[in-house]
Amino acid sequence: MRVISVNVGKVVDAAWAGKTGRTAIDKSPVLHRVEARPEGLAGDGRGDLVNHGGEDHAVYAYAREDYDWWEGELGRRLRDGRFGENLTTEGLDVNGALLGERWRVGSAVLEVSGPRVPCVVFRNWMDEPGWVRRFTDAGRPGAYLKVVEAGELGVGDGVRVLHRPRDGVTVAEAFRAFHGDKELMRRVLAVPERAAFWDDVAARVLGGSLA
């Protein structure tokens, strides 16, 4: 299990980038080592701090194996970083990772906080018919990560699982919970390591009741 690409992007103005008109979804690989900080990777911008900011969304990881699957579905090449992820991995089941699971990558420690949810910027960036629905139905969202311990990481670094919660909820399951699966949402609420934003999501899915 390793990182095969570290990707960062700068914020640019774009008419197609939703209400903000700004985006940093176009990530490019870098070969130097990068510092992972609580706010994200050094040199990586955020165009929409409301929906993509915060410590629980500091780093986004996507598996090369899922890219390979998408290439078959879309019939085109997808380079590392195309989905806007910071870390492209190999040999790691990112969607099977558990909420609260911790990874050591380089000298940094990262914690899985939840799935990526497709938005209008991602849809327009991909320029594929029905992209949000297709991405959602595929159930291969990739994972957002929190930086628990700051440190440096780079291409070729192994991913070592330091902690895996007992009886947890996978990223793929959390993605379904976000989209309305009440049983899975109740399981998310039972995860002690869950990120704080899940309580707000649960209130929406469960109709204001966290019971």
N, C-alpha and C. Protein backbone atom coordinates (compact mmCIF):
# COMPACT_ATOMS: atom_id res chain seq x y z
N MET A 1 0.86 -1.18 0.00
CA MET A 1 0.00 0.00 0.00
C MET A 1 0.90 1.23 0.00
N ARG A 2 0.72 2.07 -1.02
CA ARG A 2 1.62 3.21 -1.11
C ARG A 2 0.96 4.38 -1.86
N VAL A 3 1.61 5.52 -1.75
CA VAL A 3 1.19 6.72 -2.47
C VAL A 3 1.95 6.76 -3.79
N ILE A 4 1.23 6.85 -4.90
CA ILE A 4 1.90 6.90 -6.20
C ILE A 4 1.89 8.30 -6.80
N SER A 5 1.12 9.20 -6.21
CA SER A 5 1.12 10.59 -6.68
C SER A 5 0.65 11.50 -5.56
N VAL A 6 1.37 12.61 -5.37
CA VAL A 6 0.95 13.68 -4.45
C VAL A 6 0.58 14.87 -5.32
N ASN A 7 -0.65 15.38 -5.15
CA ASN A 7 -1.19 16.37 -6.07
C ASN A 7 -1.67 17.62 -5.33
N VAL A 8 -1.29 18.78 -5.85
CA VAL A 8 -1.75 20.04 -5.28
C VAL A 8 -2.22 20.96 -6.41
N GLY A 9 -3.01 21.95 -6.05
CA GLY A 9 -3.52 22.88 -7.06
C GLY A 9 -3.69 24.27 -6.51
N LYS A 10 -3.64 25.25 -7.38
CA LYS A 10 -3.83 26.64 -7.00
C LYS A 10 -5.25 27.09 -7.33
N VAL A 11 -5.75 28.01 -6.55
CA VAL A 11 -7.09 28.55 -6.78
C VAL A 11 -7.08 29.43 -8.02
N VAL A 12 -8.04 29.18 -8.92
CA VAL A 12 -8.18 29.99 -10.13
C VAL A 12 -9.64 30.42 -10.27
N ASP A 13 -9.86 31.50 -10.97
CA ASP A 13 -11.22 31.94 -11.28
C ASP A 13 -11.75 31.12 -12.45
N ALA A 14 -12.99 30.66 -12.31
CA ALA A 14 -13.60 29.85 -13.37
C ALA A 14 -15.10 30.09 -13.37
N ALA A 15 -15.65 30.50 -14.49
CA ALA A 15 -17.07 30.80 -14.59
C ALA A 15 -17.94 29.58 -14.31
N TRP A 16 -17.38 28.38 -14.56
CA TRP A 16 -18.16 27.15 -14.38
C TRP A 16 -18.10 26.61 -12.95
N ALA A 17 -17.38 27.31 -12.06
CA ALA A 17 -17.13 26.77 -10.72
C ALA A 17 -18.18 27.15 -9.69
N GLY A 18 -19.44 27.00 -10.05
CA GLY A 18 -20.52 27.22 -9.09
C GLY A 18 -20.64 28.66 -8.62
N LYS A 19 -21.20 28.84 -7.42
CA LYS A 19 -21.50 30.18 -6.91
C LYS A 19 -20.24 30.98 -6.59
N THR A 20 -19.20 30.30 -6.16
CA THR A 20 -17.99 31.02 -5.79
C THR A 20 -17.21 31.53 -7.00
N GLY A 21 -17.31 30.80 -8.12
CA GLY A 21 -16.56 31.17 -9.31
C GLY A 21 -15.07 30.95 -9.16
N ARG A 22 -14.68 30.16 -8.15
CA ARG A 22 -13.27 29.89 -7.90
C ARG A 22 -13.10 28.41 -7.57
N THR A 23 -11.99 27.82 -7.99
CA THR A 23 -11.77 26.40 -7.72
C THR A 23 -10.28 26.07 -7.76
N ALA A 24 -9.95 25.00 -7.06
CA ALA A 24 -8.58 24.47 -7.11
C ALA A 24 -8.65 22.97 -7.40
N ILE A 25 -9.68 22.55 -8.11
CA ILE A 25 -9.88 21.12 -8.38
C ILE A 25 -8.81 20.55 -9.32
N ASP A 26 -8.20 21.41 -10.11
CA ASP A 26 -7.19 20.95 -11.06
C ASP A 26 -5.86 20.73 -10.33
N LYS A 27 -5.68 19.51 -9.81
CA LYS A 27 -4.47 19.17 -9.05
C LYS A 27 -3.41 18.57 -9.99
N SER A 28 -2.17 18.95 -9.74
CA SER A 28 -1.05 18.43 -10.53
C SER A 28 -0.05 17.73 -9.61
N PRO A 29 0.57 16.65 -10.09
CA PRO A 29 1.54 15.92 -9.28
C PRO A 29 2.78 16.76 -9.00
N VAL A 30 3.32 16.60 -7.80
CA VAL A 30 4.59 17.22 -7.44
C VAL A 30 5.54 16.11 -7.00
N LEU A 31 6.83 16.29 -7.26
CA LEU A 31 7.81 15.27 -6.93
C LEU A 31 8.52 15.52 -5.61
N HIS A 32 8.46 16.76 -5.11
CA HIS A 32 9.10 17.06 -3.83
C HIS A 32 8.20 16.62 -2.67
N ARG A 33 8.79 16.46 -1.51
CA ARG A 33 8.01 16.10 -0.33
C ARG A 33 7.20 17.31 0.12
N VAL A 34 6.01 17.03 0.64
CA VAL A 34 5.05 18.09 0.99
C VAL A 34 4.66 17.96 2.45
N GLU A 35 4.53 19.08 3.10
CA GLU A 35 4.11 19.06 4.50
C GLU A 35 2.59 18.93 4.60
N ALA A 36 2.15 17.95 5.38
CA ALA A 36 0.73 17.79 5.67
C ALA A 36 0.43 18.52 6.97
N ARG A 37 -0.45 19.51 6.90
CA ARG A 37 -0.80 20.34 8.05
C ARG A 37 -2.28 20.16 8.36
N PRO A 38 -2.73 20.59 9.54
CA PRO A 38 -4.16 20.47 9.87
C PRO A 38 -5.08 21.09 8.84
N GLU A 39 -4.62 22.15 8.16
CA GLU A 39 -5.47 22.81 7.16
C GLU A 39 -5.32 22.20 5.77
N GLY A 40 -4.40 21.25 5.59
CA GLY A 40 -4.21 20.60 4.30
C GLY A 40 -2.76 20.52 3.91
N LEU A 41 -2.51 20.14 2.67
CA LEU A 41 -1.13 20.04 2.18
C LEU A 41 -0.58 21.42 1.85
N ALA A 42 0.67 21.64 2.16
CA ALA A 42 1.32 22.90 1.82
C ALA A 42 1.28 23.12 0.31
N GLY A 43 0.87 24.31 -0.11
CA GLY A 43 0.81 24.63 -1.53
C GLY A 43 -0.49 24.25 -2.21
N ASP A 44 -1.43 23.69 -1.46
CA ASP A 44 -2.71 23.28 -2.05
C ASP A 44 -3.80 24.28 -1.68
N GLY A 45 -4.47 24.84 -2.69
CA GLY A 45 -5.49 25.84 -2.44
C GLY A 45 -6.89 25.26 -2.30
N ARG A 46 -7.81 26.07 -1.80
CA ARG A 46 -9.23 25.72 -1.68
C ARG A 46 -10.06 26.87 -2.23
N GLY A 47 -10.85 26.58 -3.24
CA GLY A 47 -11.69 27.62 -3.82
C GLY A 47 -12.98 27.85 -3.06
N ASP A 48 -13.47 26.82 -2.37
CA ASP A 48 -14.74 26.88 -1.64
C ASP A 48 -14.48 26.40 -0.22
N LEU A 49 -14.17 27.33 0.68
CA LEU A 49 -13.84 26.96 2.05
C LEU A 49 -15.06 26.54 2.86
N VAL A 50 -16.25 26.89 2.40
CA VAL A 50 -17.47 26.51 3.13
C VAL A 50 -17.73 25.01 2.99
N ASN A 51 -17.65 24.49 1.75
CA ASN A 51 -17.99 23.10 1.49
C ASN A 51 -16.78 22.17 1.44
N HIS A 52 -15.59 22.72 1.26
CA HIS A 52 -14.41 21.87 1.14
C HIS A 52 -13.31 22.24 2.12
N GLY A 53 -13.62 23.12 3.05
CA GLY A 53 -12.61 23.54 4.02
C GLY A 53 -12.77 22.80 5.34
N GLY A 54 -11.95 23.18 6.29
CA GLY A 54 -12.03 22.59 7.61
C GLY A 54 -11.06 21.44 7.80
N GLU A 55 -10.70 21.19 9.04
CA GLU A 55 -9.70 20.17 9.35
C GLU A 55 -10.14 18.76 8.99
N ASP A 56 -11.46 18.50 8.98
CA ASP A 56 -11.93 17.16 8.65
C ASP A 56 -11.85 16.85 7.16
N HIS A 57 -11.57 17.88 6.35
CA HIS A 57 -11.43 17.71 4.90
C HIS A 57 -10.07 18.20 4.43
N ALA A 58 -9.06 17.95 5.23
CA ALA A 58 -7.73 18.51 4.95
C ALA A 58 -7.07 17.87 3.74
N VAL A 59 -7.25 16.57 3.57
CA VAL A 59 -6.58 15.81 2.49
C VAL A 59 -7.61 14.87 1.86
N TYR A 60 -7.56 14.73 0.55
CA TYR A 60 -8.45 13.82 -0.16
C TYR A 60 -7.63 12.73 -0.84
N ALA A 61 -8.02 11.47 -0.63
CA ALA A 61 -7.31 10.33 -1.21
C ALA A 61 -8.21 9.56 -2.17
N TYR A 62 -7.63 9.13 -3.28
CA TYR A 62 -8.37 8.32 -4.25
C TYR A 62 -7.46 7.21 -4.77
N ALA A 63 -8.04 6.03 -4.97
CA ALA A 63 -7.25 4.86 -5.37
C ALA A 63 -7.08 4.77 -6.88
N ARG A 64 -5.88 4.43 -7.29
CA ARG A 64 -5.61 4.22 -8.72
C ARG A 64 -6.48 3.10 -9.27
N GLU A 65 -6.76 2.11 -8.46
CA GLU A 65 -7.60 1.00 -8.91
C GLU A 65 -9.00 1.49 -9.29
N ASP A 66 -9.51 2.48 -8.55
CA ASP A 66 -10.83 3.04 -8.88
C ASP A 66 -10.75 3.89 -10.15
N TYR A 67 -9.64 4.58 -10.33
CA TYR A 67 -9.42 5.29 -11.60
C TYR A 67 -9.44 4.32 -12.78
N ASP A 68 -8.77 3.19 -12.61
CA ASP A 68 -8.73 2.20 -13.69
C ASP A 68 -10.13 1.72 -14.03
N TRP A 69 -10.96 1.53 -13.02
CA TRP A 69 -12.35 1.12 -13.25
C TRP A 69 -13.09 2.21 -14.02
N TRP A 70 -12.90 3.46 -13.62
CA TRP A 70 -13.57 4.57 -14.29
C TRP A 70 -13.11 4.72 -15.73
N GLU A 71 -11.83 4.44 -15.99
CA GLU A 71 -11.36 4.52 -17.36
C GLU A 71 -12.13 3.56 -18.27
N GLY A 72 -12.44 2.38 -17.74
CA GLY A 72 -13.23 1.43 -18.51
C GLY A 72 -14.65 1.92 -18.73
N GLU A 73 -15.21 2.58 -17.73
CA GLU A 73 -16.58 3.09 -17.82
C GLU A 73 -16.68 4.29 -18.77
N LEU A 74 -15.70 5.18 -18.71
CA LEU A 74 -15.75 6.43 -19.47
C LEU A 74 -15.06 6.34 -20.82
N GLY A 75 -14.21 5.34 -20.98
CA GLY A 75 -13.51 5.18 -22.25
C GLY A 75 -12.47 6.25 -22.51
N ARG A 76 -11.86 6.75 -21.45
CA ARG A 76 -10.80 7.74 -21.62
C ARG A 76 -9.81 7.65 -20.47
N ARG A 77 -8.63 8.16 -20.73
CA ARG A 77 -7.55 8.14 -19.74
C ARG A 77 -7.84 9.14 -18.63
N LEU A 78 -7.58 8.74 -17.40
CA LEU A 78 -7.74 9.61 -16.24
C LEU A 78 -6.41 9.68 -15.51
N ARG A 79 -5.78 10.82 -15.56
CA ARG A 79 -4.48 10.98 -14.92
C ARG A 79 -4.65 11.08 -13.41
N ASP A 80 -3.59 10.80 -12.67
CA ASP A 80 -3.61 11.00 -11.23
C ASP A 80 -3.87 12.48 -10.94
N GLY A 81 -4.76 12.74 -9.99
CA GLY A 81 -5.14 14.11 -9.65
C GLY A 81 -6.34 14.63 -10.39
N ARG A 82 -6.83 13.88 -11.37
CA ARG A 82 -7.95 14.35 -12.19
C ARG A 82 -9.21 14.59 -11.36
N PHE A 83 -9.44 13.79 -10.32
CA PHE A 83 -10.63 13.96 -9.49
C PHE A 83 -10.40 15.00 -8.39
N GLY A 84 -9.24 15.63 -8.40
CA GLY A 84 -8.96 16.66 -7.40
C GLY A 84 -8.41 16.10 -6.10
N GLU A 85 -7.95 14.85 -6.14
CA GLU A 85 -7.40 14.26 -4.91
C GLU A 85 -5.97 14.71 -4.66
N ASN A 86 -5.60 14.74 -3.39
CA ASN A 86 -4.23 15.07 -3.01
C ASN A 86 -3.31 13.87 -3.03
N LEU A 87 -3.85 12.71 -2.67
CA LEU A 87 -3.06 11.49 -2.65
C LEU A 87 -3.70 10.45 -3.56
N THR A 88 -2.96 9.99 -4.54
CA THR A 88 -3.40 8.86 -5.36
C THR A 88 -2.68 7.63 -4.81
N THR A 89 -3.45 6.62 -4.45
CA THR A 89 -2.87 5.45 -3.79
C THR A 89 -2.89 4.22 -4.69
N GLU A 90 -2.11 3.23 -4.29
CA GLU A 90 -2.07 1.95 -4.99
C GLU A 90 -2.03 0.84 -3.95
N GLY A 91 -2.85 -0.19 -4.16
CA GLY A 91 -2.86 -1.32 -3.25
C GLY A 91 -3.62 -1.09 -1.97
N LEU A 92 -4.38 -0.01 -1.89
CA LEU A 92 -5.12 0.35 -0.68
C LEU A 92 -6.61 0.47 -1.02
N ASP A 93 -7.45 -0.24 -0.28
CA ASP A 93 -8.89 -0.15 -0.48
C ASP A 93 -9.40 1.09 0.24
N VAL A 94 -9.33 2.22 -0.42
CA VAL A 94 -9.71 3.49 0.20
C VAL A 94 -11.18 3.48 0.61
N ASN A 95 -12.04 2.96 -0.25
CA ASN A 95 -13.48 2.95 0.05
C ASN A 95 -13.84 1.95 1.14
N GLY A 96 -12.95 1.00 1.40
CA GLY A 96 -13.16 0.04 2.46
C GLY A 96 -12.55 0.46 3.78
N ALA A 97 -11.89 1.61 3.80
CA ALA A 97 -11.33 2.14 5.05
C ALA A 97 -12.47 2.53 5.98
N LEU A 98 -12.21 2.49 7.26
CA LEU A 98 -13.24 2.79 8.25
C LEU A 98 -13.15 4.23 8.74
N LEU A 99 -14.30 4.82 9.04
CA LEU A 99 -14.30 6.13 9.68
C LEU A 99 -13.48 6.04 10.97
N GLY A 100 -12.56 6.96 11.14
CA GLY A 100 -11.70 6.93 12.33
C GLY A 100 -10.42 6.13 12.17
N GLU A 101 -10.29 5.44 11.05
CA GLU A 101 -9.07 4.69 10.77
C GLU A 101 -7.90 5.66 10.60
N ARG A 102 -6.74 5.26 11.13
CA ARG A 102 -5.57 6.14 11.05
C ARG A 102 -4.46 5.51 10.23
N TRP A 103 -3.86 6.35 9.37
CA TRP A 103 -2.76 5.91 8.51
C TRP A 103 -1.52 6.74 8.81
N ARG A 104 -0.37 6.08 8.77
CA ARG A 104 0.88 6.82 8.74
C ARG A 104 1.37 6.86 7.30
N VAL A 105 1.58 8.07 6.82
CA VAL A 105 2.11 8.28 5.47
C VAL A 105 3.30 9.22 5.63
N GLY A 106 4.49 8.73 5.33
CA GLY A 106 5.68 9.51 5.63
C GLY A 106 5.76 9.72 7.13
N SER A 107 5.95 10.96 7.55
CA SER A 107 5.98 11.25 8.99
C SER A 107 4.65 11.81 9.50
N ALA A 108 3.63 11.86 8.62
CA ALA A 108 2.31 12.38 9.00
C ALA A 108 1.38 11.25 9.41
N VAL A 109 0.43 11.57 10.28
CA VAL A 109 -0.63 10.62 10.63
C VAL A 109 -1.96 11.23 10.19
N LEU A 110 -2.69 10.48 9.39
CA LEU A 110 -3.95 10.93 8.81
C LEU A 110 -5.09 10.06 9.33
N GLU A 111 -6.27 10.66 9.49
CA GLU A 111 -7.44 9.93 9.99
C GLU A 111 -8.59 10.05 9.00
N VAL A 112 -9.19 8.94 8.65
CA VAL A 112 -10.32 8.91 7.71
C VAL A 112 -11.54 9.56 8.35
N SER A 113 -12.09 10.59 7.69
CA SER A 113 -13.24 11.30 8.25
C SER A 113 -14.53 11.08 7.49
N GLY A 114 -14.45 10.76 6.20
CA GLY A 114 -15.68 10.55 5.45
C GLY A 114 -15.44 10.47 3.96
N PRO A 115 -16.50 10.26 3.18
CA PRO A 115 -16.39 10.16 1.72
C PRO A 115 -16.44 11.52 1.05
N ARG A 116 -15.96 11.57 -0.17
CA ARG A 116 -16.11 12.77 -1.00
C ARG A 116 -17.53 12.76 -1.58
N VAL A 117 -18.20 13.87 -1.51
CA VAL A 117 -19.54 14.00 -2.07
C VAL A 117 -19.45 14.87 -3.32
N PRO A 118 -19.91 14.38 -4.48
CA PRO A 118 -19.76 15.15 -5.73
C PRO A 118 -20.58 16.43 -5.71
N CYS A 119 -20.03 17.46 -6.33
CA CYS A 119 -20.68 18.77 -6.35
C CYS A 119 -20.73 19.30 -7.78
N VAL A 120 -21.29 20.49 -7.95
CA VAL A 120 -21.43 21.08 -9.29
C VAL A 120 -20.07 21.36 -9.92
N VAL A 121 -19.08 21.73 -9.10
CA VAL A 121 -17.75 21.99 -9.64
C VAL A 121 -17.15 20.70 -10.22
N PHE A 122 -17.28 19.62 -9.48
CA PHE A 122 -16.77 18.33 -9.94
C PHE A 122 -17.50 17.91 -11.22
N ARG A 123 -18.81 18.11 -11.26
CA ARG A 123 -19.60 17.77 -12.45
C ARG A 123 -19.11 18.55 -13.68
N ASN A 124 -18.98 19.85 -13.52
CA ASN A 124 -18.57 20.68 -14.65
C ASN A 124 -17.13 20.39 -15.06
N TRP A 125 -16.28 20.11 -14.09
CA TRP A 125 -14.88 19.81 -14.37
C TRP A 125 -14.75 18.53 -15.19
N MET A 126 -15.55 17.51 -14.87
CA MET A 126 -15.46 16.23 -15.57
C MET A 126 -16.13 16.28 -16.94
N ASP A 127 -17.16 17.13 -17.09
CA ASP A 127 -17.85 17.28 -18.37
C ASP A 127 -18.33 15.93 -18.92
N GLU A 128 -18.99 15.17 -18.03
CA GLU A 128 -19.57 13.89 -18.40
C GLU A 128 -21.07 13.93 -18.14
N PRO A 129 -21.90 13.43 -19.06
CA PRO A 129 -23.35 13.44 -18.87
C PRO A 129 -23.75 12.73 -17.57
N GLY A 130 -24.60 13.38 -16.78
CA GLY A 130 -25.11 12.78 -15.55
C GLY A 130 -24.02 12.40 -14.55
N TRP A 131 -22.94 13.18 -14.50
CA TRP A 131 -21.77 12.78 -13.72
C TRP A 131 -22.06 12.61 -12.23
N VAL A 132 -22.78 13.53 -11.62
CA VAL A 132 -23.04 13.41 -10.18
C VAL A 132 -23.78 12.11 -9.87
N ARG A 133 -24.78 11.77 -10.65
CA ARG A 133 -25.52 10.53 -10.43
C ARG A 133 -24.64 9.32 -10.68
N ARG A 134 -23.86 9.35 -11.73
CA ARG A 134 -23.00 8.20 -12.05
C ARG A 134 -21.95 7.98 -10.95
N PHE A 135 -21.35 9.07 -10.49
CA PHE A 135 -20.35 8.96 -9.44
C PHE A 135 -20.98 8.43 -8.15
N THR A 136 -22.16 8.91 -7.84
CA THR A 136 -22.86 8.47 -6.63
C THR A 136 -23.23 7.00 -6.73
N ASP A 137 -23.80 6.59 -7.85
CA ASP A 137 -24.23 5.21 -8.02
C ASP A 137 -23.05 4.23 -8.00
N ALA A 138 -21.89 4.68 -8.46
CA ALA A 138 -20.72 3.79 -8.51
C ALA A 138 -20.22 3.44 -7.12
N GLY A 139 -20.44 4.31 -6.14
CA GLY A 139 -20.03 4.01 -4.78
C GLY A 139 -18.53 3.92 -4.58
N ARG A 140 -17.79 4.71 -5.35
CA ARG A 140 -16.32 4.75 -5.24
C ARG A 140 -15.89 6.20 -4.97
N PRO A 141 -16.25 6.74 -3.79
CA PRO A 141 -16.08 8.17 -3.56
C PRO A 141 -14.68 8.62 -3.17
N GLY A 142 -13.85 7.70 -2.69
CA GLY A 142 -12.58 8.12 -2.12
C GLY A 142 -12.81 8.70 -0.74
N ALA A 143 -11.73 9.02 -0.02
CA ALA A 143 -11.86 9.41 1.37
C ALA A 143 -11.23 10.76 1.69
N TYR A 144 -11.95 11.53 2.51
CA TYR A 144 -11.36 12.72 3.11
C TYR A 144 -10.62 12.30 4.37
N LEU A 145 -9.53 13.02 4.64
CA LEU A 145 -8.67 12.69 5.77
C LEU A 145 -8.38 13.92 6.61
N LYS A 146 -8.30 13.70 7.89
CA LYS A 146 -7.89 14.72 8.85
C LYS A 146 -6.41 14.52 9.17
N VAL A 147 -5.65 15.59 9.31
CA VAL A 147 -4.24 15.47 9.68
C VAL A 147 -4.15 15.48 11.21
N VAL A 148 -3.91 14.30 11.77
CA VAL A 148 -3.82 14.16 13.23
C VAL A 148 -2.44 14.58 13.73
N GLU A 149 -1.41 14.20 12.97
CA GLU A 149 -0.04 14.61 13.30
C GLU A 149 0.58 15.17 12.03
N ALA A 150 0.99 16.43 12.08
CA ALA A 150 1.62 17.05 10.92
C ALA A 150 2.95 16.37 10.60
N GLY A 151 3.30 16.37 9.33
CA GLY A 151 4.55 15.75 8.92
C GLY A 151 4.70 15.86 7.42
N GLU A 152 5.79 15.33 6.90
CA GLU A 152 6.05 15.37 5.47
C GLU A 152 5.71 14.04 4.82
N LEU A 153 5.22 14.12 3.59
CA LEU A 153 4.91 12.92 2.82
C LEU A 153 5.29 13.15 1.37
N GLY A 154 5.41 12.04 0.62
CA GLY A 154 5.80 12.18 -0.77
C GLY A 154 5.51 10.92 -1.57
N VAL A 155 5.77 11.01 -2.85
CA VAL A 155 5.55 9.89 -3.77
C VAL A 155 6.40 8.69 -3.32
N GLY A 156 5.78 7.53 -3.31
CA GLY A 156 6.47 6.31 -2.94
C GLY A 156 6.34 5.94 -1.48
N ASP A 157 5.82 6.85 -0.66
CA ASP A 157 5.64 6.54 0.76
C ASP A 157 4.62 5.41 0.93
N GLY A 158 4.92 4.51 1.84
CA GLY A 158 3.96 3.48 2.18
C GLY A 158 2.82 4.05 3.01
N VAL A 159 1.70 3.35 3.00
CA VAL A 159 0.55 3.70 3.84
C VAL A 159 0.41 2.59 4.87
N ARG A 160 0.66 2.92 6.12
CA ARG A 160 0.58 1.91 7.19
C ARG A 160 -0.61 2.22 8.07
N VAL A 161 -1.49 1.24 8.24
CA VAL A 161 -2.67 1.43 9.08
C VAL A 161 -2.25 1.29 10.54
N LEU A 162 -2.41 2.38 11.28
CA LEU A 162 -2.03 2.40 12.70
C LEU A 162 -3.18 1.98 13.60
N HIS A 163 -4.40 2.30 13.18
CA HIS A 163 -5.57 2.04 14.01
C HIS A 163 -6.78 1.81 13.12
N ARG A 164 -7.52 0.78 13.42
CA ARG A 164 -8.74 0.49 12.67
C ARG A 164 -9.85 0.23 13.68
N PRO A 165 -10.85 1.12 13.75
CA PRO A 165 -11.90 0.99 14.76
C PRO A 165 -12.62 -0.37 14.70
N ARG A 166 -13.01 -0.83 15.84
CA ARG A 166 -13.73 -2.09 15.92
C ARG A 166 -15.20 -1.87 15.52
N ASP A 167 -15.73 -2.78 14.71
CA ASP A 167 -17.14 -2.68 14.29
C ASP A 167 -17.45 -1.31 13.70
N GLY A 168 -16.60 -0.84 12.79
CA GLY A 168 -16.77 0.49 12.23
C GLY A 168 -17.64 0.54 10.99
N VAL A 169 -17.63 1.70 10.37
CA VAL A 169 -18.40 1.97 9.15
C VAL A 169 -17.41 2.35 8.06
N THR A 170 -17.50 1.70 6.90
CA THR A 170 -16.57 2.00 5.82
C THR A 170 -16.92 3.32 5.14
N VAL A 171 -15.96 3.82 4.39
CA VAL A 171 -16.18 5.04 3.62
C VAL A 171 -17.35 4.85 2.65
N ALA A 172 -17.39 3.70 1.98
CA ALA A 172 -18.49 3.43 1.04
C ALA A 172 -19.84 3.39 1.74
N GLU A 173 -19.87 2.80 2.93
CA GLU A 173 -21.12 2.76 3.70
C GLU A 173 -21.51 4.16 4.18
N ALA A 174 -20.54 4.94 4.61
CA ALA A 174 -20.81 6.30 5.04
C ALA A 174 -21.35 7.15 3.89
N PHE A 175 -20.88 6.87 2.68
CA PHE A 175 -21.37 7.56 1.50
C PHE A 175 -22.86 7.27 1.30
N ARG A 176 -23.25 6.02 1.49
CA ARG A 176 -24.67 5.65 1.39
C ARG A 176 -25.47 6.28 2.52
N ALA A 177 -24.87 6.35 3.71
CA ALA A 177 -25.55 7.00 4.84
C ALA A 177 -25.81 8.47 4.54
N PHE A 178 -24.83 9.13 3.98
CA PHE A 178 -24.98 10.54 3.62
C PHE A 178 -26.16 10.74 2.67
N HIS A 179 -26.36 9.77 1.78
CA HIS A 179 -27.42 9.88 0.78
C HIS A 179 -28.75 9.27 1.23
N GLY A 180 -28.90 9.04 2.55
CA GLY A 180 -30.22 8.71 3.05
C GLY A 180 -30.45 7.36 3.67
N ASP A 181 -29.42 6.51 3.75
CA ASP A 181 -29.61 5.20 4.37
C ASP A 181 -29.62 5.38 5.90
N LYS A 182 -30.81 5.33 6.50
CA LYS A 182 -30.95 5.63 7.92
C LYS A 182 -30.29 4.59 8.82
N GLU A 183 -30.36 3.34 8.44
CA GLU A 183 -29.73 2.30 9.25
C GLU A 183 -28.21 2.52 9.32
N LEU A 184 -27.62 2.81 8.17
CA LEU A 184 -26.18 3.07 8.15
C LEU A 184 -25.84 4.35 8.89
N MET A 185 -26.71 5.35 8.81
CA MET A 185 -26.46 6.59 9.54
C MET A 185 -26.44 6.36 11.04
N ARG A 186 -27.32 5.50 11.51
CA ARG A 186 -27.30 5.19 12.95
C ARG A 186 -26.01 4.47 13.33
N ARG A 187 -25.49 3.68 12.42
CA ARG A 187 -24.20 3.04 12.67
C ARG A 187 -23.07 4.06 12.70
N VAL A 188 -23.16 5.06 11.83
CA VAL A 188 -22.16 6.14 11.84
C VAL A 188 -22.17 6.83 13.20
N LEU A 189 -23.36 7.10 13.72
CA LEU A 189 -23.47 7.78 15.01
C LEU A 189 -22.91 6.95 16.16
N ALA A 190 -22.79 5.65 15.96
CA ALA A 190 -22.25 4.78 17.00
C ALA A 190 -20.73 4.69 16.97
N VAL A 191 -20.12 5.36 15.99
CA VAL A 191 -18.66 5.35 15.86
C VAL A 191 -18.08 6.46 16.73
N PRO A 192 -17.37 6.14 17.81
CA PRO A 192 -16.82 7.19 18.69
C PRO A 192 -15.85 8.12 17.96
N GLU A 193 -15.14 7.59 16.97
CA GLU A 193 -14.12 8.38 16.28
C GLU A 193 -14.68 9.24 15.14
N ARG A 194 -15.99 9.26 14.95
CA ARG A 194 -16.56 9.99 13.82
C ARG A 194 -16.24 11.48 13.92
N ALA A 195 -16.11 12.12 12.76
CA ALA A 195 -15.90 13.56 12.70
C ALA A 195 -17.17 14.28 13.15
N ALA A 196 -17.02 15.48 13.69
CA ALA A 196 -18.14 16.23 14.26
C ALA A 196 -19.23 16.55 13.24
N PHE A 197 -18.86 16.74 11.96
CA PHE A 197 -19.86 17.12 10.95
C PHE A 197 -20.91 16.06 10.74
N TRP A 198 -20.61 14.81 11.13
CA TRP A 198 -21.59 13.75 10.93
C TRP A 198 -22.87 13.97 11.74
N ASP A 199 -22.79 14.68 12.86
CA ASP A 199 -24.00 14.93 13.65
C ASP A 199 -24.98 15.81 12.87
N ASP A 200 -24.46 16.79 12.14
CA ASP A 200 -25.33 17.64 11.32
C ASP A 200 -25.91 16.85 10.15
N VAL A 201 -25.09 16.00 9.54
CA VAL A 201 -25.58 15.17 8.44
C VAL A 201 -26.66 14.22 8.95
N ALA A 202 -26.43 13.66 10.12
CA ALA A 202 -27.40 12.71 10.70
C ALA A 202 -28.73 13.39 10.98
N ALA A 203 -28.69 14.64 11.45
CA ALA A 203 -29.93 15.35 11.72
C ALA A 203 -30.77 15.50 10.46
N ARG A 204 -30.09 15.72 9.32
CA ARG A 204 -30.80 15.83 8.04
C ARG A 204 -31.36 14.48 7.62
N VAL A 205 -30.54 13.44 7.67
CA VAL A 205 -30.96 12.12 7.19
C VAL A 205 -32.04 11.52 8.08
N LEU A 206 -31.92 11.73 9.38
CA LEU A 206 -32.86 11.12 10.33
C LEU A 206 -34.01 12.05 10.70
N GLY A 207 -34.15 13.14 9.96
CA GLY A 207 -35.29 14.03 10.19
C GLY A 207 -35.23 14.80 11.47
N GLY A 208 -34.02 15.18 11.88
CA GLY A 208 -33.87 15.98 13.09
C GLY A 208 -33.71 15.18 14.35
N SER A 209 -33.87 13.86 14.26
CA SER A 209 -33.72 13.00 15.42
C SER A 209 -32.45 12.19 15.30
N LEU A 210 -31.60 12.22 16.36
CA LEU A 210 -30.37 11.45 16.35
C LEU A 210 -30.56 10.11 17.05
N ALA A 211 -31.80 9.78 17.37
CA ALA A 211 -32.07 8.51 18.06
C ALA A 211 -32.19 7.38 17.04
